[in-house]
Amino acid sequence: MTTTVAKAEEGTASPYALSHLDSLESEAVHIFREVAGEFENPVILFSGGKDSIVMLHLALKAFAPAPVPFSLLHVDTGHNFPEVLEYRDRVVAAHGLRLHVASVQDYIDRGALRERPDGTRNPLQTLPLTEKIQSEKFDAVFGGGRRDEEKARAKERVFSLRDEFSQWDPRRQRPELWNLYNGRHAPGEHVRVFPLSNWTELDVWQYIAREGIELPQIYFAHDREVFRRGGMWLTAGEWGGPKDGETVEKRLVRYRTVGDMSCTGAVDSDALTLDDVIAEIAASRLTERGATRADDKMSEAAMEDRKREGYF
């Protein structure tokens, strides 16, 4: 006993102390289990992007060896990267999961939504998302948002109450002292849940490396035909790019975040391995969304405005 106390006084770490990644993992697993115990019909937003991949990995860990007790939901803009959609379908099949798909193209075809002049469909995801939540009666929706990504996400709680119109009111946020989460909601309302809130982009990549999680190859350096617009390298496609005067060229690039092709920019990179990516992220001074997402540059409050309307 004396020896143990002496070591503690000297500042020696306890052999039972969790590492930084273990602590983040433990918190996320606790959140998944808390939702399973509090809600009747949760769903995980799964796009095939790195954050949703890590989120699904954590859900699998939280309930192993039992199956994940939630289905998955993807809002398909129709302009998603083919590599990511292929990965999404393969993972769903491998784990025997149920996938709901809300299609932006379906809403455009029936006249419920209109194409934007700039061709981007990311802002058009809100209506398909909110109507799918209502029609399936999902009462908790897991999202992969992190506080380090963007200032609107930085002030949102882990359990984020949405009203009957799926809208977010920052003034209705609840305190979460001592990691106690309040999931109470009125009929028609639901709660958005963010298990990765306290993670950073670097944490996500280090966890991916530690756990050996497979990712779409789009996250690593590869040759791609791109063109310059708004300070970003965008992929040419049927969504409307490039325009006159925009020159397509082949470059060695990778993606830090994955969304709609029309607003997700690639970054010049020679990072071919996880270690390369981690070193690159550690040296970066720009957030992934700040560097590569045109939809967040529409205005200073672009993300918060969309969240108020029901966006992720």
C-alpha atoms as a PDB file:
ATOM      1  CA  MET A   1       0.000   0.000   0.000  1.00  0.00           C
ATOM      2  CA  THR A   2       2.824   2.395   0.973  1.00  0.00           C
ATOM      3  CA  THR A   3       4.660   1.733  -2.291  1.00  0.00           C
ATOM      4  CA  THR A   4       1.521   2.397  -4.354  1.00  0.00           C
ATOM      5  CA  VAL A   5       0.864   5.710  -2.587  1.00  0.00           C
ATOM      6  CA  ALA A   6       4.493   6.741  -2.996  1.00  0.00           C
ATOM      7  CA  LYS A   7       4.370   6.081  -6.730  1.00  0.00           C
ATOM      8  CA  ALA A   8       1.158   8.083  -7.066  1.00  0.00           C
ATOM      9  CA  GLU A   9       2.753  10.984  -5.215  1.00  0.00           C
ATOM     10  CA  GLU A  10       5.717  10.871  -7.572  1.00  0.00           C
ATOM     11  CA  GLY A  11       3.341  11.342 -10.521  1.00  0.00           C
ATOM     12  CA  THR A  12       3.561   7.819 -11.864  1.00  0.00           C
ATOM     13  CA  ALA A  13       0.492   7.003 -13.959  1.00  0.00           C
ATOM     14  CA  SER A  14      -1.872   4.415 -12.582  1.00  0.00           C
ATOM     15  CA  PRO A  15      -1.735   1.089 -14.444  1.00  0.00           C
ATOM     16  CA  TYR A  16      -5.551   1.315 -14.619  1.00  0.00           C
ATOM     17  CA  ALA A  17      -5.663   4.770 -16.220  1.00  0.00           C
ATOM     18  CA  LEU A  18      -7.176   4.898 -19.710  1.00  0.00           C
ATOM     19  CA  SER A  19      -5.205   6.303 -22.620  1.00  0.00           C
ATOM     20  CA  HIS A  20      -6.622   9.295 -24.489  1.00  0.00           C
ATOM     21  CA  LEU A  21      -8.105   7.116 -27.247  1.00  0.00           C
ATOM     22  CA  ASP A  22      -9.415   4.558 -24.753  1.00  0.00           C
ATOM     23  CA  SER A  23     -11.166   7.352 -22.869  1.00  0.00           C
ATOM     24  CA  LEU A  24     -12.820   8.660 -26.037  1.00  0.00           C
ATOM     25  CA  GLU A  25     -13.834   5.138 -27.035  1.00  0.00           C
ATOM     26  CA  SER A  26     -15.288   4.462 -23.582  1.00  0.00           C
ATOM     27  CA  GLU A  27     -17.332   7.672 -23.702  1.00  0.00           C
ATOM     28  CA  ALA A  28     -18.731   6.850 -27.168  1.00  0.00           C
ATOM     29  CA  VAL A  29     -19.596   3.264 -26.179  1.00  0.00           C
ATOM     30  CA  HIS A  30     -21.393   4.616 -23.094  1.00  0.00           C
ATOM     31  CA  ILE A  31     -23.400   7.007 -25.299  1.00  0.00           C
ATOM     32  CA  PHE A  32     -24.473   4.205 -27.655  1.00  0.00           C
ATOM     33  CA  ARG A  33     -25.596   2.040 -24.744  1.00  0.00           C
ATOM     34  CA  GLU A  34     -27.372   4.976 -23.098  1.00  0.00           C
ATOM     35  CA  VAL A  35     -29.375   5.602 -26.275  1.00  0.00           C
ATOM     36  CA  ALA A  36     -30.216   1.905 -26.604  1.00  0.00           C
ATOM     37  CA  GLY A  37     -31.644   2.014 -23.091  1.00  0.00           C
ATOM     38  CA  GLU A  38     -33.545   5.314 -23.410  1.00  0.00           C
ATOM     39  CA  PHE A  39     -35.000   5.342 -26.925  1.00  0.00           C
ATOM     40  CA  GLU A  40     -37.326   3.068 -28.883  1.00  0.00           C
ATOM     41  CA  ASN A  41     -36.214   3.514 -32.502  1.00  0.00           C
ATOM     42  CA  PRO A  42     -32.709   4.989 -32.982  1.00  0.00           C
ATOM     43  CA  VAL A  43     -30.873   5.135 -36.322  1.00  0.00           C
ATOM     44  CA  ILE A  44     -27.240   5.790 -37.306  1.00  0.00           C
ATOM     45  CA  LEU A  45     -26.493   8.250 -40.109  1.00  0.00           C
ATOM     46  CA  PHE A  46     -24.030   6.378 -42.317  1.00  0.00           C
ATOM     47  CA  SER A  47     -22.564   7.925 -45.457  1.00  0.00           C
ATOM     48  CA  GLY A  48     -19.430   5.813 -45.839  1.00  0.00           C
ATOM     49  CA  GLY A  49     -17.306   8.749 -44.681  1.00  0.00           C
ATOM     50  CA  LYS A  50     -14.597   8.257 -42.064  1.00  0.00           C
ATOM     51  CA  ASP A  51     -16.572   9.656 -39.110  1.00  0.00           C
ATOM     52  CA  SER A  52     -19.627   7.495 -39.781  1.00  0.00           C
ATOM     53  CA  ILE A  53     -17.302   4.498 -40.312  1.00  0.00           C
ATOM     54  CA  VAL A  54     -15.715   5.061 -36.888  1.00  0.00           C
ATOM     55  CA  MET A  55     -19.166   5.568 -35.385  1.00  0.00           C
ATOM     56  CA  LEU A  56     -20.366   2.215 -36.771  1.00  0.00           C
ATOM     57  CA  HIS A  57     -17.179   0.522 -35.525  1.00  0.00           C
ATOM     58  CA  LEU A  58     -17.892   1.872 -32.032  1.00  0.00           C
ATOM     59  CA  ALA A  59     -21.511   0.687 -32.208  1.00  0.00           C
ATOM     60  CA  LEU A  60     -20.345  -2.801 -33.177  1.00  0.00           C
ATOM     61  CA  LYS A  61     -17.985  -2.788 -30.187  1.00  0.00           C
ATOM     62  CA  ALA A  62     -20.646  -1.451 -27.833  1.00  0.00           C
ATOM     63  CA  PHE A  63     -22.998  -4.399 -28.397  1.00  0.00           C
ATOM     64  CA  ALA A  64     -20.677  -7.268 -29.384  1.00  0.00           C
ATOM     65  CA  PRO A  65     -21.203 -10.166 -29.628  1.00  0.00           C
ATOM     66  CA  ALA A  66     -24.856  -9.178 -30.181  1.00  0.00           C
ATOM     67  CA  PRO A  67     -25.776  -7.385 -33.415  1.00  0.00           C
ATOM     68  CA  VAL A  68     -26.112  -3.600 -33.523  1.00  0.00           C
ATOM     69  CA  PRO A  69     -29.704  -2.838 -32.461  1.00  0.00           C
ATOM     70  CA  PHE A  70     -30.025   0.127 -34.840  1.00  0.00           C
ATOM     71  CA  SER A  71     -30.560   0.468 -38.574  1.00  0.00           C
ATOM     72  CA  LEU A  72     -28.550   2.861 -40.785  1.00  0.00           C
ATOM     73  CA  LEU A  73     -29.702   5.911 -42.748  1.00  0.00           C
ATOM     74  CA  HIS A  74     -27.990   7.592 -45.690  1.00  0.00           C
ATOM     75  CA  VAL A  75     -29.177  10.738 -47.451  1.00  0.00           C
ATOM     76  CA  ASP A  76     -28.022  10.154 -51.035  1.00  0.00           C
ATOM     77  CA  THR A  77     -27.580  13.390 -52.978  1.00  0.00           C
ATOM     78  CA  GLY A  78     -27.107  11.589 -56.289  1.00  0.00           C
ATOM     79  CA  HIS A  79     -23.690  13.238 -56.512  1.00  0.00           C
ATOM     80  CA  ASN A  80     -21.852  10.987 -54.072  1.00  0.00           C
ATOM     81  CA  PHE A  81     -18.459   9.518 -54.848  1.00  0.00           C
ATOM     82  CA  PRO A  82     -18.860   6.027 -56.396  1.00  0.00           C
ATOM     83  CA  GLU A  83     -15.991   4.655 -54.271  1.00  0.00           C
ATOM     84  CA  VAL A  84     -17.825   5.680 -51.099  1.00  0.00           C
ATOM     85  CA  LEU A  85     -21.175   4.210 -52.173  1.00  0.00           C
ATOM     86  CA  GLU A  86     -19.462   0.912 -53.027  1.00  0.00           C
ATOM     87  CA  TYR A  87     -17.839   0.866 -49.584  1.00  0.00           C
ATOM     88  CA  ARG A  88     -21.161   1.704 -47.892  1.00  0.00           C
ATOM     89  CA  ASP A  89     -23.001  -1.177 -49.552  1.00  0.00           C
ATOM     90  CA  ARG A  90     -20.186  -3.633 -48.861  1.00  0.00           C
ATOM     91  CA  VAL A  91     -20.066  -2.791 -45.141  1.00  0.00           C
ATOM     92  CA  VAL A  92     -23.850  -2.999 -44.786  1.00  0.00           C
ATOM     93  CA  ALA A  93     -23.852  -6.451 -46.398  1.00  0.00           C
ATOM     94  CA  ALA A  94     -20.871  -7.677 -44.357  1.00  0.00           C
ATOM     95  CA  HIS A  95     -22.564  -6.880 -41.026  1.00  0.00           C
ATOM     96  CA  GLY A  96     -26.105  -7.803 -42.061  1.00  0.00           C
ATOM     97  CA  LEU A  97     -27.426  -4.315 -41.336  1.00  0.00           C
ATOM     98  CA  ARG A  98     -30.576  -2.617 -42.571  1.00  0.00           C
ATOM     99  CA  LEU A  99     -29.953   0.524 -44.632  1.00  0.00           C
ATOM    100  CA  HIS A 100     -32.552   3.252 -45.250  1.00  0.00           C
ATOM    101  CA  VAL A 101     -31.755   5.569 -48.172  1.00  0.00           C
ATOM    102  CA  ALA A 102     -33.392   8.977 -48.592  1.00  0.00           C
ATOM    103  CA  SER A 103     -32.782  10.135 -52.161  1.00  0.00           C
ATOM    104  CA  VAL A 104     -32.461  13.809 -53.074  1.00  0.00           C
ATOM    105  CA  GLN A 105     -32.930  12.850 -56.746  1.00  0.00           C
ATOM    106  CA  ASP A 106     -36.381  11.389 -55.962  1.00  0.00           C
ATOM    107  CA  TYR A 107     -37.452  14.711 -54.460  1.00  0.00           C
ATOM    108  CA  ILE A 108     -36.154  16.608 -57.486  1.00  0.00           C
ATOM    109  CA  ASP A 109     -37.921  14.232 -59.897  1.00  0.00           C
ATOM    110  CA  ARG A 110     -41.297  14.787 -58.244  1.00  0.00           C
ATOM    111  CA  GLY A 111     -40.829  18.555 -57.956  1.00  0.00           C
ATOM    112  CA  ALA A 112     -40.475  18.764 -54.177  1.00  0.00           C
ATOM    113  CA  LEU A 113     -36.951  20.204 -54.539  1.00  0.00           C
ATOM    114  CA  ARG A 114     -35.249  22.286 -57.216  1.00  0.00           C
ATOM    115  CA  GLU A 115     -31.658  22.081 -58.392  1.00  0.00           C
ATOM    116  CA  ARG A 116     -29.538  24.985 -57.200  1.00  0.00           C
ATOM    117  CA  PRO A 117     -27.841  27.235 -59.779  1.00  0.00           C
ATOM    118  CA  ASP A 118     -24.414  26.247 -58.448  1.00  0.00           C
ATOM    119  CA  GLY A 119     -25.192  22.514 -58.826  1.00  0.00           C
ATOM    120  CA  THR A 120     -24.523  21.623 -55.191  1.00  0.00           C
ATOM    121  CA  ARG A 121     -27.050  19.373 -53.504  1.00  0.00           C
ATOM    122  CA  ASN A 122     -25.727  19.344 -49.951  1.00  0.00           C
ATOM    123  CA  PRO A 123     -28.229  22.013 -48.788  1.00  0.00           C
ATOM    124  CA  LEU A 124     -31.010  19.939 -50.402  1.00  0.00           C
ATOM    125  CA  GLN A 125     -30.480  17.021 -48.000  1.00  0.00           C
ATOM    126  CA  THR A 126     -32.516  18.557 -45.179  1.00  0.00           C
ATOM    127  CA  LEU A 127     -36.015  17.787 -46.501  1.00  0.00           C
ATOM    128  CA  PRO A 128     -35.343  14.115 -47.408  1.00  0.00           C
ATOM    129  CA  LEU A 129     -33.621  13.639 -44.037  1.00  0.00           C
ATOM    130  CA  THR A 130     -36.366  15.183 -41.915  1.00  0.00           C
ATOM    131  CA  GLU A 131     -39.184  13.445 -43.787  1.00  0.00           C
ATOM    132  CA  LYS A 132     -37.452  10.055 -43.492  1.00  0.00           C
ATOM    133  CA  ILE A 133     -37.038  10.614 -39.741  1.00  0.00           C
ATOM    134  CA  GLN A 134     -40.736  11.427 -39.448  1.00  0.00           C
ATOM    135  CA  SER A 135     -41.999   8.602 -41.663  1.00  0.00           C
ATOM    136  CA  GLU A 136     -39.887   5.951 -39.905  1.00  0.00           C
ATOM    137  CA  LYS A 137     -40.572   7.486 -36.466  1.00  0.00           C
ATOM    138  CA  PHE A 138     -36.893   7.578 -35.498  1.00  0.00           C
ATOM    139  CA  ASP A 139     -36.619   9.097 -32.019  1.00  0.00           C
ATOM    140  CA  ALA A 140     -32.803   9.257 -31.841  1.00  0.00           C
ATOM    141  CA  VAL A 141     -30.477   9.921 -34.768  1.00  0.00           C
ATOM    142  CA  PHE A 142     -26.731   9.327 -34.382  1.00  0.00           C
ATOM    143  CA  GLY A 143     -24.498  11.727 -36.310  1.00  0.00           C
ATOM    144  CA  GLY A 144     -20.727  11.859 -36.709  1.00  0.00           C
ATOM    145  CA  GLY A 145     -20.386  15.595 -36.093  1.00  0.00           C
ATOM    146  CA  ARG A 146     -17.408  16.754 -34.013  1.00  0.00           C
ATOM    147  CA  ARG A 147     -16.941  20.019 -32.152  1.00  0.00           C
ATOM    148  CA  ASP A 148     -13.576  20.732 -33.768  1.00  0.00           C
ATOM    149  CA  GLU A 149     -15.086  20.815 -37.268  1.00  0.00           C
ATOM    150  CA  GLU A 150     -17.053  24.055 -37.230  1.00  0.00           C
ATOM    151  CA  LYS A 151     -18.205  26.709 -34.766  1.00  0.00           C
ATOM    152  CA  ALA A 152     -21.919  25.801 -34.921  1.00  0.00           C
ATOM    153  CA  ARG A 153     -21.070  22.194 -34.112  1.00  0.00           C
ATOM    154  CA  ALA A 154     -18.741  23.364 -31.336  1.00  0.00           C
ATOM    155  CA  LYS A 155     -21.650  24.694 -29.276  1.00  0.00           C
ATOM    156  CA  GLU A 156     -24.029  21.758 -29.760  1.00  0.00           C
ATOM    157  CA  ARG A 157     -24.573  19.200 -27.006  1.00  0.00           C
ATOM    158  CA  VAL A 158     -24.020  15.434 -27.291  1.00  0.00           C
ATOM    159  CA  PHE A 159     -27.811  14.975 -26.961  1.00  0.00           C
ATOM    160  CA  SER A 160     -29.295  17.694 -29.173  1.00  0.00           C
ATOM    161  CA  LEU A 161     -33.064  18.109 -29.030  1.00  0.00           C
ATOM    162  CA  ARG A 162     -34.904  18.730 -32.299  1.00  0.00           C
ATOM    163  CA  ASP A 163     -38.528  19.910 -32.408  1.00  0.00           C
ATOM    164  CA  GLU A 164     -41.389  18.367 -34.385  1.00  0.00           C
ATOM    165  CA  PHE A 165     -40.029  20.070 -37.523  1.00  0.00           C
ATOM    166  CA  SER A 166     -36.516  18.668 -36.859  1.00  0.00           C
ATOM    167  CA  GLN A 167     -35.269  22.186 -36.175  1.00  0.00           C
ATOM    168  CA  TRP A 168     -32.514  23.027 -33.694  1.00  0.00           C
ATOM    169  CA  ASP A 169     -32.869  25.863 -31.211  1.00  0.00           C
ATOM    170  CA  PRO A 170     -29.575  26.549 -29.383  1.00  0.00           C
ATOM    171  CA  ARG A 171     -31.565  28.129 -26.516  1.00  0.00           C
ATOM    172  CA  ARG A 172     -33.236  24.789 -25.755  1.00  0.00           C
ATOM    173  CA  GLN A 173     -29.985  22.934 -25.156  1.00  0.00           C
ATOM    174  CA  ARG A 174     -29.723  21.031 -21.915  1.00  0.00           C
ATOM    175  CA  PRO A 175     -26.807  20.869 -19.479  1.00  0.00           C
ATOM    176  CA  GLU A 176     -24.776  17.654 -19.586  1.00  0.00           C
ATOM    177  CA  LEU A 177     -22.945  17.774 -16.271  1.00  0.00           C
ATOM    178  CA  TRP A 178     -20.988  14.657 -15.298  1.00  0.00           C
ATOM    179  CA  ASN A 179     -21.884  13.050 -18.663  1.00  0.00           C
ATOM    180  CA  LEU A 180     -25.545  12.725 -17.666  1.00  0.00           C
ATOM    181  CA  TYR A 181     -27.662  12.893 -20.809  1.00  0.00           C
ATOM    182  CA  ASN A 182     -31.314  13.939 -20.902  1.00  0.00           C
ATOM    183  CA  GLY A 183     -33.167  12.191 -23.724  1.00  0.00           C
ATOM    184  CA  ARG A 184     -36.674  13.320 -22.791  1.00  0.00           C
ATOM    185  CA  HIS A 185     -38.675  14.602 -25.745  1.00  0.00           C
ATOM    186  CA  ALA A 186     -42.295  15.268 -26.637  1.00  0.00           C
ATOM    187  CA  PRO A 187     -44.174  13.216 -29.269  1.00  0.00           C
ATOM    188  CA  GLY A 188     -42.975  14.209 -32.734  1.00  0.00           C
ATOM    189  CA  GLU A 189     -39.643  15.504 -31.437  1.00  0.00           C
ATOM    190  CA  HIS A 190     -36.394  13.566 -31.641  1.00  0.00           C
ATOM    191  CA  VAL A 191     -32.825  13.810 -30.383  1.00  0.00           C
ATOM    192  CA  ARG A 192     -29.679  14.033 -32.502  1.00  0.00           C
ATOM    193  CA  VAL A 193     -26.831  12.211 -30.767  1.00  0.00           C
ATOM    194  CA  PHE A 194     -23.133  12.895 -31.410  1.00  0.00           C
ATOM    195  CA  PRO A 195     -20.846  10.203 -29.889  1.00  0.00           C
ATOM    196  CA  LEU A 196     -17.758  11.775 -31.501  1.00  0.00           C
ATOM    197  CA  SER A 197     -18.391  15.305 -30.192  1.00  0.00           C
ATOM    198  CA  ASN A 198     -15.192  15.409 -28.153  1.00  0.00           C
ATOM    199  CA  TRP A 199     -12.972  13.809 -30.801  1.00  0.00           C
ATOM    200  CA  THR A 200     -10.693  15.748 -33.134  1.00  0.00           C
ATOM    201  CA  GLU A 201      -9.813  14.885 -36.705  1.00  0.00           C
ATOM    202  CA  LEU A 202      -6.422  13.658 -35.455  1.00  0.00           C
ATOM    203  CA  ASP A 203      -8.124  11.473 -32.822  1.00  0.00           C
ATOM    204  CA  VAL A 204     -10.267   9.879 -35.535  1.00  0.00           C
ATOM    205  CA  TRP A 205      -7.269   9.032 -37.697  1.00  0.00           C
ATOM    206  CA  GLN A 206      -5.209   7.713 -34.795  1.00  0.00           C
ATOM    207  CA  TYR A 207      -8.136   5.528 -33.743  1.00  0.00           C
ATOM    208  CA  ILE A 208      -8.563   4.234 -37.299  1.00  0.00           C
ATOM    209  CA  ALA A 209      -4.864   3.300 -37.318  1.00  0.00           C
ATOM    210  CA  ARG A 210      -5.035   1.640 -33.903  1.00  0.00           C
ATOM    211  CA  GLU A 211      -8.152  -0.382 -34.709  1.00  0.00           C
ATOM    212  CA  GLY A 212      -7.123  -1.277 -38.268  1.00  0.00           C
ATOM    213  CA  ILE A 213     -10.377   0.099 -39.717  1.00  0.00           C
ATOM    214  CA  GLU A 214     -10.735  -0.113 -43.488  1.00  0.00           C
ATOM    215  CA  LEU A 215     -11.549   3.116 -45.342  1.00  0.00           C
ATOM    216  CA  PRO A 216     -12.472   3.999 -48.934  1.00  0.00           C
ATOM    217  CA  GLN A 217      -9.278   4.612 -50.900  1.00  0.00           C
ATOM    218  CA  ILE A 218     -10.464   8.147 -51.668  1.00  0.00           C
ATOM    219  CA  TYR A 219      -8.991   9.158 -48.281  1.00  0.00           C
ATOM    220  CA  PHE A 220      -5.470   8.361 -49.483  1.00  0.00           C
ATOM    221  CA  ALA A 221      -3.372   9.983 -52.203  1.00  0.00           C
ATOM    222  CA  HIS A 222      -4.387   9.016 -55.736  1.00  0.00           C
ATOM    223  CA  ASP A 223      -4.340  10.521 -59.219  1.00  0.00           C
ATOM    224  CA  ARG A 224      -7.599  12.287 -60.051  1.00  0.00           C
ATOM    225  CA  GLU A 225      -8.879  14.677 -62.707  1.00  0.00           C
ATOM    226  CA  VAL A 226      -9.858  17.883 -60.915  1.00  0.00           C
ATOM    227  CA  PHE A 227     -10.427  21.560 -61.625  1.00  0.00           C
ATOM    228  CA  ARG A 228      -9.976  24.698 -59.523  1.00  0.00           C
ATOM    229  CA  ARG A 229     -12.997  26.569 -58.135  1.00  0.00           C
ATOM    230  CA  GLY A 230     -13.274  28.767 -55.067  1.00  0.00           C
ATOM    231  CA  GLY A 231      -9.767  27.844 -53.972  1.00  0.00           C
ATOM    232  CA  MET A 232     -10.536  24.088 -53.977  1.00  0.00           C
ATOM    233  CA  TRP A 233      -9.875  21.150 -56.275  1.00  0.00           C
ATOM    234  CA  LEU A 234     -13.257  19.720 -57.327  1.00  0.00           C
ATOM    235  CA  THR A 235     -13.975  16.515 -59.236  1.00  0.00           C
ATOM    236  CA  ALA A 236     -15.515  16.886 -62.679  1.00  0.00           C
ATOM    237  CA  GLY A 237     -18.938  15.268 -62.974  1.00  0.00           C
ATOM    238  CA  GLU A 238     -22.529  15.406 -64.156  1.00  0.00           C
ATOM    239  CA  TRP A 239     -23.379  17.863 -61.386  1.00  0.00           C
ATOM    240  CA  GLY A 240     -22.201  20.793 -63.512  1.00  0.00           C
ATOM    241  CA  GLY A 241     -18.443  21.096 -63.360  1.00  0.00           C
ATOM    242  CA  PRO A 242     -16.252  22.318 -64.854  1.00  0.00           C
ATOM    243  CA  LYS A 243     -17.636  25.535 -66.322  1.00  0.00           C
ATOM    244  CA  ASP A 244     -16.165  27.529 -69.203  1.00  0.00           C
ATOM    245  CA  GLY A 245     -12.707  28.707 -68.272  1.00  0.00           C
ATOM    246  CA  GLU A 246     -12.155  25.994 -65.644  1.00  0.00           C
ATOM    247  CA  THR A 247      -9.381  23.674 -66.767  1.00  0.00           C
ATOM    248  CA  VAL A 248      -9.339  20.000 -65.822  1.00  0.00           C
ATOM    249  CA  GLU A 249      -5.969  18.612 -64.826  1.00  0.00           C
ATOM    250  CA  LYS A 250      -4.680  15.403 -63.274  1.00  0.00           C
ATOM    251  CA  ARG A 251      -3.213  15.836 -59.790  1.00  0.00           C
ATOM    252  CA  LEU A 252      -2.129  13.690 -56.863  1.00  0.00           C
ATOM    253  CA  VAL A 253      -4.806  14.402 -54.254  1.00  0.00           C
ATOM    254  CA  ARG A 254      -6.782  12.907 -51.391  1.00  0.00           C
ATOM    255  CA  TYR A 255      -9.967  13.821 -49.506  1.00  0.00           C
ATOM    256  CA  ARG A 256     -10.026  14.885 -45.853  1.00  0.00           C
ATOM    257  CA  THR A 257     -13.824  14.777 -45.713  1.00  0.00           C
ATOM    258  CA  VAL A 258     -16.351  13.204 -48.074  1.00  0.00           C
ATOM    259  CA  GLY A 259     -19.702  14.641 -49.083  1.00  0.00           C
ATOM    260  CA  ASP A 260     -21.399  15.790 -52.258  1.00  0.00           C
ATOM    261  CA  MET A 261     -18.938  15.911 -55.193  1.00  0.00           C
ATOM    262  CA  SER A 262     -20.147  19.408 -56.061  1.00  0.00           C
ATOM    263  CA  CYS A 263     -18.936  20.994 -52.828  1.00  0.00           C
ATOM    264  CA  THR A 264     -16.235  18.678 -51.437  1.00  0.00           C
ATOM    265  CA  GLY A 265     -12.709  19.664 -52.381  1.00  0.00           C
ATOM    266  CA  ALA A 266      -9.630  17.480 -52.576  1.00  0.00           C
ATOM    267  CA  VAL A 267      -6.281  18.524 -51.146  1.00  0.00           C
ATOM    268  CA  ASP A 268      -2.877  18.106 -52.750  1.00  0.00           C
ATOM    269  CA  SER A 269      -1.267  15.215 -50.907  1.00  0.00           C
ATOM    270  CA  ASP A 270       1.227  12.392 -51.235  1.00  0.00           C
ATOM    271  CA  ALA A 271      -0.086  10.606 -48.110  1.00  0.00           C
ATOM    272  CA  LEU A 272      -0.390   6.947 -49.140  1.00  0.00           C
ATOM    273  CA  THR A 273      -0.578   5.325 -45.683  1.00  0.00           C
ATOM    274  CA  LEU A 274      -2.305   5.941 -42.370  1.00  0.00           C
ATOM    275  CA  ASP A 275       0.965   7.142 -40.841  1.00  0.00           C
ATOM    276  CA  ASP A 276       1.387   9.611 -43.709  1.00  0.00           C
ATOM    277  CA  VAL A 277      -2.143  10.957 -43.212  1.00  0.00           C
ATOM    278  CA  ILE A 278      -1.681  11.300 -39.444  1.00  0.00           C
ATOM    279  CA  ALA A 279       1.557  13.256 -39.945  1.00  0.00           C
ATOM    280  CA  GLU A 280      -0.184  15.489 -42.498  1.00  0.00           C
ATOM    281  CA  ILE A 281      -3.154  16.186 -40.216  1.00  0.00           C
ATOM    282  CA  ALA A 282      -0.892  16.899 -37.231  1.00  0.00           C
ATOM    283  CA  ALA A 283       0.868  19.615 -39.249  1.00  0.00           C
ATOM    284  CA  SER A 284      -2.328  21.162 -40.671  1.00  0.00           C
ATOM    285  CA  ARG A 285      -3.625  24.494 -39.376  1.00  0.00           C
ATOM    286  CA  LEU A 286      -6.994  24.335 -41.182  1.00  0.00           C
ATOM    287  CA  THR A 287      -9.993  22.247 -40.153  1.00  0.00           C
ATOM    288  CA  GLU A 288     -11.138  19.690 -42.688  1.00  0.00           C
ATOM    289  CA  ARG A 289     -14.411  21.510 -43.367  1.00  0.00           C
ATOM    290  CA  GLY A 290     -12.749  24.911 -43.492  1.00  0.00           C
ATOM    291  CA  ALA A 291     -10.276  23.652 -46.083  1.00  0.00           C
ATOM    292  CA  THR A 292     -12.493  21.480 -48.272  1.00  0.00           C
ATOM    293  CA  ARG A 293     -16.230  22.242 -47.955  1.00  0.00           C
ATOM    294  CA  ALA A 294     -17.717  24.919 -50.222  1.00  0.00           C
ATOM    295  CA  ASP A 295     -21.150  24.615 -48.571  1.00  0.00           C
ATOM    296  CA  ASP A 296     -19.699  25.972 -45.311  1.00  0.00           C
ATOM    297  CA  LYS A 297     -18.354  29.053 -47.102  1.00  0.00           C
ATOM    298  CA  MET A 298     -21.721  30.352 -48.317  1.00  0.00           C
ATOM    299  CA  SER A 299     -21.889  32.617 -45.251  1.00  0.00           C
ATOM    300  CA  GLU A 300     -20.373  32.982 -41.780  1.00  0.00           C
ATOM    301  CA  ALA A 301     -23.437  31.253 -40.311  1.00  0.00           C
ATOM    302  CA  ALA A 302     -24.012  28.714 -43.122  1.00  0.00           C
ATOM    303  CA  MET A 303     -23.774  25.621 -40.918  1.00  0.00           C
ATOM    304  CA  GLU A 304     -25.839  27.059 -38.065  1.00  0.00           C
ATOM    305  CA  ASP A 305     -28.564  28.198 -40.467  1.00  0.00           C
ATOM    306  CA  ARG A 306     -28.808  24.701 -41.947  1.00  0.00           C
ATOM    307  CA  LYS A 307     -28.810  23.062 -38.506  1.00  0.00           C
ATOM    308  CA  ARG A 308     -31.703  25.292 -37.459  1.00  0.00           C
ATOM    309  CA  GLU A 309     -33.606  23.984 -40.491  1.00  0.00           C
ATOM    310  CA  GLY A 310     -32.943  20.349 -39.615  1.00  0.00           C
ATOM    311  CA  TYR A 311     -29.546  19.579 -41.193  1.00  0.00           C
ATOM    312  CA  PHE A 312     -27.044  17.206 -39.570  1.00  0.00           C
END
